Amino acid sequence: MTLRCLVADDVRHNRSLAIHWLHELGYSTMEATDGEDAWRIVKQYPLDLVITDIEMPRQSGLELIQHLREHDDPNVAHTPVVVMSSLQDDLLETAALHFGATIVLHKPLDREDFLQAASAALAKDASEVRGKPDPDTLLDEESHPGVISPTLRRIIDRTRDRS
């Protein structure tokens, strides 16, 4: 059985690299240039894995994850998500996991790390997916000490405003 994977990133090189590596594993892939396009694909096709960037135009990776986790169909809601990002932020991993990401990777992408993350995400138990996030708690500096970049704060605020 061929595994189906969606790669969402606004940078063509990153999408192409990820797709090439996934094809090496025999995965079937689809691609999207942002979270909005990715969400349209998710609603049309059953997927085994979603790989997404965080910072994208129109709709961020966090918004995409939020759509997934809130979906009525448990197969969609529990789809493993690998987040890949070049944001240099102390709270990036905390934020992505808080919203329901399965694994977080930092760019530039490394082939072995990427393939290991994809395999590990597919092996995770769907019950490990977190519930609905509370962005106010996430941004509370006492609960989550660290430096949050203006970019990540903007993405979290935009995601919070969407819900």
Protein backbone atom coordinates (compact mmCIF):
# COMPACT_ATOMS: atom_id res chain seq x y z
CA MET A 1 0.00 0.00 0.00
CA THR A 2 1.41 3.37 -1.04
CA LEU A 3 1.37 6.07 1.61
CA ARG A 4 -0.07 9.43 0.58
CA CYS A 5 1.69 12.58 1.72
CA LEU A 6 1.01 16.29 1.27
CA VAL A 7 3.87 18.79 1.30
CA ALA A 8 2.88 22.43 1.91
CA ASP A 9 5.55 25.09 1.60
CA ASP A 10 5.61 28.40 -0.23
CA VAL A 11 9.23 27.85 -1.28
CA ARG A 12 9.38 25.60 -4.35
CA HIS A 13 12.88 24.31 -3.56
CA ASN A 14 11.78 23.03 -0.13
CA ARG A 15 8.69 21.34 -1.61
CA SER A 16 10.74 19.74 -4.39
CA LEU A 17 13.37 18.47 -1.98
CA ALA A 18 10.81 16.99 0.40
CA ILE A 19 8.86 15.40 -2.46
CA HIS A 20 12.03 13.90 -3.94
CA TRP A 21 12.97 12.32 -0.61
CA LEU A 22 9.43 11.02 -0.04
CA HIS A 23 9.44 9.45 -3.51
CA GLU A 24 12.63 7.61 -2.52
CA LEU A 25 10.55 5.95 0.20
CA GLY A 26 7.84 5.08 -2.33
CA TYR A 27 5.32 7.63 -1.03
CA SER A 28 2.73 9.20 -3.29
CA THR A 29 2.86 12.99 -2.91
CA MET A 30 0.80 16.10 -3.50
CA GLU A 31 1.96 19.65 -3.02
CA ALA A 32 0.52 22.98 -1.93
CA THR A 33 1.97 26.48 -1.87
CA ASP A 34 0.23 27.52 1.34
CA GLY A 35 -2.10 26.32 4.07
CA GLU A 36 -5.23 27.32 2.19
CA ASP A 37 -4.33 25.18 -0.84
CA ALA A 38 -3.26 22.39 1.50
CA TRP A 39 -6.59 22.47 3.33
CA ARG A 40 -8.46 22.12 0.02
CA ILE A 41 -6.38 19.03 -0.77
CA VAL A 42 -6.89 17.55 2.71
CA LYS A 43 -10.67 17.84 2.30
CA GLN A 44 -10.55 16.07 -1.09
CA TYR A 45 -8.08 13.24 -0.55
CA PRO A 46 -7.34 10.86 2.29
CA LEU A 47 -3.77 11.40 3.48
CA ASP A 48 -1.37 9.46 5.67
CA LEU A 49 0.97 12.36 6.42
CA VAL A 50 1.06 16.15 6.12
CA ILE A 51 4.34 18.04 5.99
CA THR A 52 4.00 21.80 6.32
CA ASP A 53 5.98 24.96 6.71
CA ILE A 54 4.79 27.34 9.44
CA GLU A 55 5.14 30.71 7.72
CA MET A 56 3.21 30.80 4.44
CA PRO A 57 1.01 33.37 2.69
CA ARG A 58 -2.80 33.29 2.95
CA GLN A 59 -2.85 30.58 5.64
CA SER A 60 -0.06 29.46 7.96
CA GLY A 61 0.95 25.94 8.88
CA LEU A 62 -0.51 26.48 12.37
CA GLU A 63 -3.87 27.37 10.82
CA LEU A 64 -3.67 24.23 8.67
CA ILE A 65 -2.94 22.11 11.74
CA GLN A 66 -5.83 23.74 13.59
CA HIS A 67 -8.18 22.86 10.70
CA LEU A 68 -6.97 19.27 10.80
CA ARG A 69 -7.29 18.86 14.56
CA GLU A 70 -10.81 20.35 14.62
CA HIS A 71 -12.13 18.17 11.78
CA ASP A 72 -15.08 15.87 12.54
CA ASP A 73 -13.53 12.90 10.75
CA PRO A 74 -11.03 11.24 13.13
CA ASN A 75 -8.95 10.06 10.16
CA VAL A 76 -8.38 13.70 9.21
CA ALA A 77 -8.13 14.99 12.79
CA HIS A 78 -5.42 12.46 13.67
CA THR A 79 -3.31 12.80 10.52
CA PRO A 80 0.34 13.05 11.57
CA VAL A 81 1.90 16.45 10.81
CA VAL A 82 5.59 17.20 10.40
CA VAL A 83 6.31 20.91 10.70
CA MET A 84 9.40 22.29 9.01
CA SER A 85 10.48 25.88 9.58
CA SER A 86 13.38 28.25 9.26
CA LEU A 87 12.06 30.47 12.05
CA GLN A 88 14.69 30.97 14.71
CA ASP A 89 12.48 31.10 17.76
CA ASP A 90 12.77 29.62 21.24
CA LEU A 91 9.05 28.76 21.26
CA LEU A 92 8.68 27.37 17.72
CA GLU A 93 8.64 23.72 18.73
CA THR A 94 6.45 24.40 21.77
CA ALA A 95 3.94 26.34 19.64
CA ALA A 96 3.82 23.76 16.84
CA LEU A 97 3.36 20.86 19.26
CA HIS A 98 0.80 22.88 21.21
CA PHE A 99 -1.30 23.27 18.06
CA GLY A 100 -1.04 19.55 17.31
CA ALA A 101 2.08 19.01 15.22
CA THR A 102 3.58 15.55 15.57
CA ILE A 103 7.23 16.44 14.95
CA VAL A 104 9.12 19.69 14.28
CA LEU A 105 12.10 19.99 11.93
CA HIS A 106 14.34 22.99 11.45
CA LYS A 107 15.47 24.18 8.03
CA PRO A 108 17.69 23.88 6.17
CA LEU A 109 16.43 20.35 5.69
CA ASP A 110 18.75 17.41 6.14
CA ARG A 111 17.81 14.27 4.19
CA GLU A 112 18.35 11.79 7.03
CA ASP A 113 16.61 13.95 9.65
CA PHE A 114 13.71 14.55 7.27
CA LEU A 115 13.22 10.87 6.43
CA GLN A 116 13.54 9.89 10.08
CA ALA A 117 10.94 12.51 11.06
CA ALA A 118 8.50 11.35 8.37
CA SER A 119 8.85 7.72 9.48
CA ALA A 120 8.55 8.61 13.16
CA ALA A 121 5.44 10.72 12.55
CA LEU A 122 3.76 7.85 10.71
CA ALA A 123 4.59 5.51 13.59
CA LYS A 124 3.10 7.77 16.30
CA ASP A 125 -0.15 6.76 17.92
CA ALA A 126 -2.99 9.03 16.78
CA SER A 127 -4.17 9.33 20.38
CA GLU A 128 -1.01 11.33 21.13
CA VAL A 129 -2.39 14.29 19.17
CA ARG A 130 -3.04 17.19 21.48
CA GLY A 131 -6.47 18.73 22.01
CA LYS A 132 -7.60 22.21 21.07
CA PRO A 133 -4.82 24.69 21.88
CA ASP A 134 -5.23 27.79 23.98
CA PRO A 135 -3.00 30.43 22.34
CA ASP A 136 -3.29 32.72 25.38
CA THR A 137 -1.67 30.05 27.56
CA LEU A 138 0.97 29.46 24.91
CA LEU A 139 1.91 33.13 24.87
CA ASP A 140 2.02 33.35 28.68
CA GLU A 141 5.68 33.94 29.51
CA GLU A 142 5.43 32.28 32.94
CA SER A 143 4.11 29.03 31.45
CA HIS A 144 6.43 29.07 28.44
CA PRO A 145 9.56 31.10 29.11
CA GLY A 146 11.64 32.00 26.11
CA VAL A 147 11.92 34.54 23.40
CA ILE A 148 9.06 34.59 20.93
CA SER A 149 9.75 36.29 17.63
CA PRO A 150 7.35 38.88 16.23
CA THR A 151 6.77 36.54 13.27
CA LEU A 152 5.70 33.58 15.40
CA ARG A 153 3.59 35.85 17.62
CA ARG A 154 1.83 37.21 14.49
CA ILE A 155 1.18 33.67 13.20
CA ILE A 156 -0.21 32.54 16.57
CA ASP A 157 -2.39 35.66 16.84
CA ARG A 158 -3.72 35.14 13.29
CA THR A 159 -4.50 31.52 14.10
CA ARG A 160 -6.23 32.53 17.34
CA ASP A 161 -8.31 35.14 15.48
CA ARG A 162 -9.44 32.50 12.97
CA SER A 163 -11.03 30.29 15.62
